[in-house]
């Protein structure tokens, strides 16, 4: 089992920045990649960014150039630096842990709310 806990959400004005963190524990040696996902009311959960154990990153087109995903040196913590936030970024943000390439997350955090006002 892998446990994930997000922190860092909050309320910010458009153009502002937030940094999300995801702390992982448990059988983390099984993890192939981790990612950030978000879901706003009435919409499906979407992938924001992913990062593999090898450091390969991938971003949704809507956040390229504004968001940066990274992992701590001990690989137990993952971050999402969000700059130039827009109202459309308002959502609950979740971190997820993937066990295999091209798979959906096998483990999820509880989520953290990000609200961007115009």
Protein backbone atom coordinates (compact mmCIF):
# COMPACT_ATOMS: atom_id res chain seq x y z
CA UNK A 1 0.00 0.00 0.00
CA UNK A 2 1.02 3.58 -0.69
CA UNK A 3 -0.30 6.56 1.23
CA UNK A 4 -0.39 10.02 -0.34
CA UNK A 5 -1.14 13.35 1.31
CA UNK A 6 -1.46 16.67 -0.50
CA UNK A 7 -0.87 20.07 1.07
CA UNK A 8 -0.56 23.62 -0.19
CA UNK A 9 -3.93 24.42 -1.71
CA UNK A 10 -5.67 27.68 -1.06
CA UNK A 11 -7.21 30.83 -2.44
CA UNK A 12 -5.27 33.11 -4.79
CA UNK A 13 -6.00 35.89 -7.23
CA UNK A 14 -5.49 35.42 -10.95
CA UNK A 15 -1.84 35.81 -11.85
CA UNK A 16 -0.71 34.52 -8.48
CA UNK A 17 1.23 31.40 -7.54
CA UNK A 18 0.79 28.37 -5.33
CA UNK A 19 2.98 25.37 -4.58
CA UNK A 20 1.40 22.00 -3.91
CA UNK A 21 3.20 19.19 -2.13
CA UNK A 22 2.44 15.48 -2.03
CA UNK A 23 4.07 13.34 0.64
CA UNK A 24 4.19 9.62 0.00
CA UNK A 25 4.77 6.73 2.39
CA UNK A 26 4.45 2.97 2.43
CA UNK A 27 5.59 0.71 -0.41
CA UNK A 28 6.90 3.56 -2.53
CA UNK A 29 9.55 1.38 -4.18
CA UNK A 30 6.73 -0.03 -6.32
CA UNK A 31 5.94 3.35 -7.85
CA UNK A 32 6.76 3.88 -11.53
CA UNK A 33 5.58 7.48 -11.76
CA UNK A 34 3.57 10.09 -9.91
CA UNK A 35 1.26 12.76 -11.14
CA UNK A 36 -1.00 15.66 -10.36
CA UNK A 37 -4.63 15.55 -11.41
CA UNK A 38 -7.51 17.94 -10.97
CA UNK A 39 -11.27 17.91 -11.01
CA UNK A 40 -13.67 20.82 -11.04
CA UNK A 41 -17.44 20.59 -10.51
CA UNK A 42 -19.24 18.97 -13.42
CA UNK A 43 -16.03 17.92 -15.16
CA UNK A 44 -14.05 14.73 -15.36
CA UNK A 45 -10.78 14.39 -13.53
CA UNK A 46 -7.92 15.38 -15.83
CA UNK A 47 -4.19 14.85 -15.81
CA UNK A 48 -2.22 18.01 -15.05
CA UNK A 49 1.34 16.69 -15.03
CA UNK A 50 3.27 13.49 -14.46
CA UNK A 51 6.85 12.63 -13.57
CA UNK A 52 8.53 9.23 -13.81
CA UNK A 53 11.16 7.83 -11.48
CA UNK A 54 13.66 8.71 -14.17
CA UNK A 55 12.56 12.32 -14.10
CA UNK A 56 10.66 12.41 -17.38
CA UNK A 57 7.85 14.94 -17.20
CA UNK A 58 4.68 15.48 -19.15
CA UNK A 59 2.18 18.35 -18.95
CA UNK A 60 -1.32 19.10 -20.09
CA UNK A 61 -1.32 21.73 -22.83
CA UNK A 62 -3.36 24.05 -20.63
CA UNK A 63 -0.60 24.32 -18.02
CA UNK A 64 2.57 24.16 -20.10
CA UNK A 65 4.86 27.06 -19.32
CA UNK A 66 3.00 27.88 -16.11
CA UNK A 67 3.22 24.72 -13.96
CA UNK A 68 6.31 22.73 -13.00
CA UNK A 69 6.25 19.25 -11.52
CA UNK A 70 9.22 17.99 -9.52
CA UNK A 71 10.24 15.45 -6.89
CA UNK A 72 12.40 15.81 -3.83
CA UNK A 73 15.82 14.20 -3.69
CA UNK A 74 14.48 11.38 -1.54
CA UNK A 75 11.65 10.77 -4.05
CA UNK A 76 9.18 10.74 -1.15
CA UNK A 77 7.76 14.15 -1.95
CA UNK A 78 6.37 15.55 -5.16
CA UNK A 79 5.67 19.20 -5.91
CA UNK A 80 3.62 21.24 -8.31
CA UNK A 81 4.70 24.85 -8.69
CA UNK A 82 1.81 26.76 -10.22
CA UNK A 83 2.47 30.24 -11.60
CA UNK A 84 0.29 32.72 -13.45
CA UNK A 85 -2.81 30.99 -12.16
CA UNK A 86 -6.09 31.48 -13.99
CA UNK A 87 -9.70 31.09 -12.81
CA UNK A 88 -9.95 27.98 -15.04
CA UNK A 89 -7.32 26.36 -12.80
CA UNK A 90 -9.82 26.28 -9.95
CA UNK A 91 -10.29 22.63 -8.96
CA UNK A 92 -9.54 20.00 -6.39
CA UNK A 93 -6.01 18.82 -7.05
CA UNK A 94 -5.04 15.22 -6.36
CA UNK A 95 -1.74 13.44 -6.41
CA UNK A 96 -1.61 9.92 -7.74
CA UNK A 97 0.90 7.09 -7.85
CA UNK A 98 1.25 4.91 -10.93
CA UNK A 99 2.66 1.39 -10.76
CA UNK A 100 3.11 0.82 -14.49
CA UNK A 101 3.76 2.78 -17.65
CA UNK A 102 0.61 4.07 -19.39
CA UNK A 103 -1.55 3.12 -16.44
CA UNK A 104 -3.96 5.05 -14.29
CA UNK A 105 -2.97 5.83 -10.72
CA UNK A 106 -3.32 2.92 -8.35
CA UNK A 107 -3.25 5.20 -5.32
CA UNK A 108 -4.75 8.61 -4.71
CA UNK A 109 -4.43 11.33 -2.13
CA UNK A 110 -7.44 13.03 -0.54
CA UNK A 111 -7.12 16.16 -2.65
CA UNK A 112 -6.55 19.83 -1.92
CA UNK A 113 -8.72 22.71 -3.10
CA UNK A 114 -7.24 25.44 -5.30
CA UNK A 115 -9.43 28.47 -5.94
CA UNK A 116 -8.35 31.25 -8.30
CA UNK A 117 -10.39 34.43 -8.33
CA UNK A 118 -10.61 36.75 -11.31
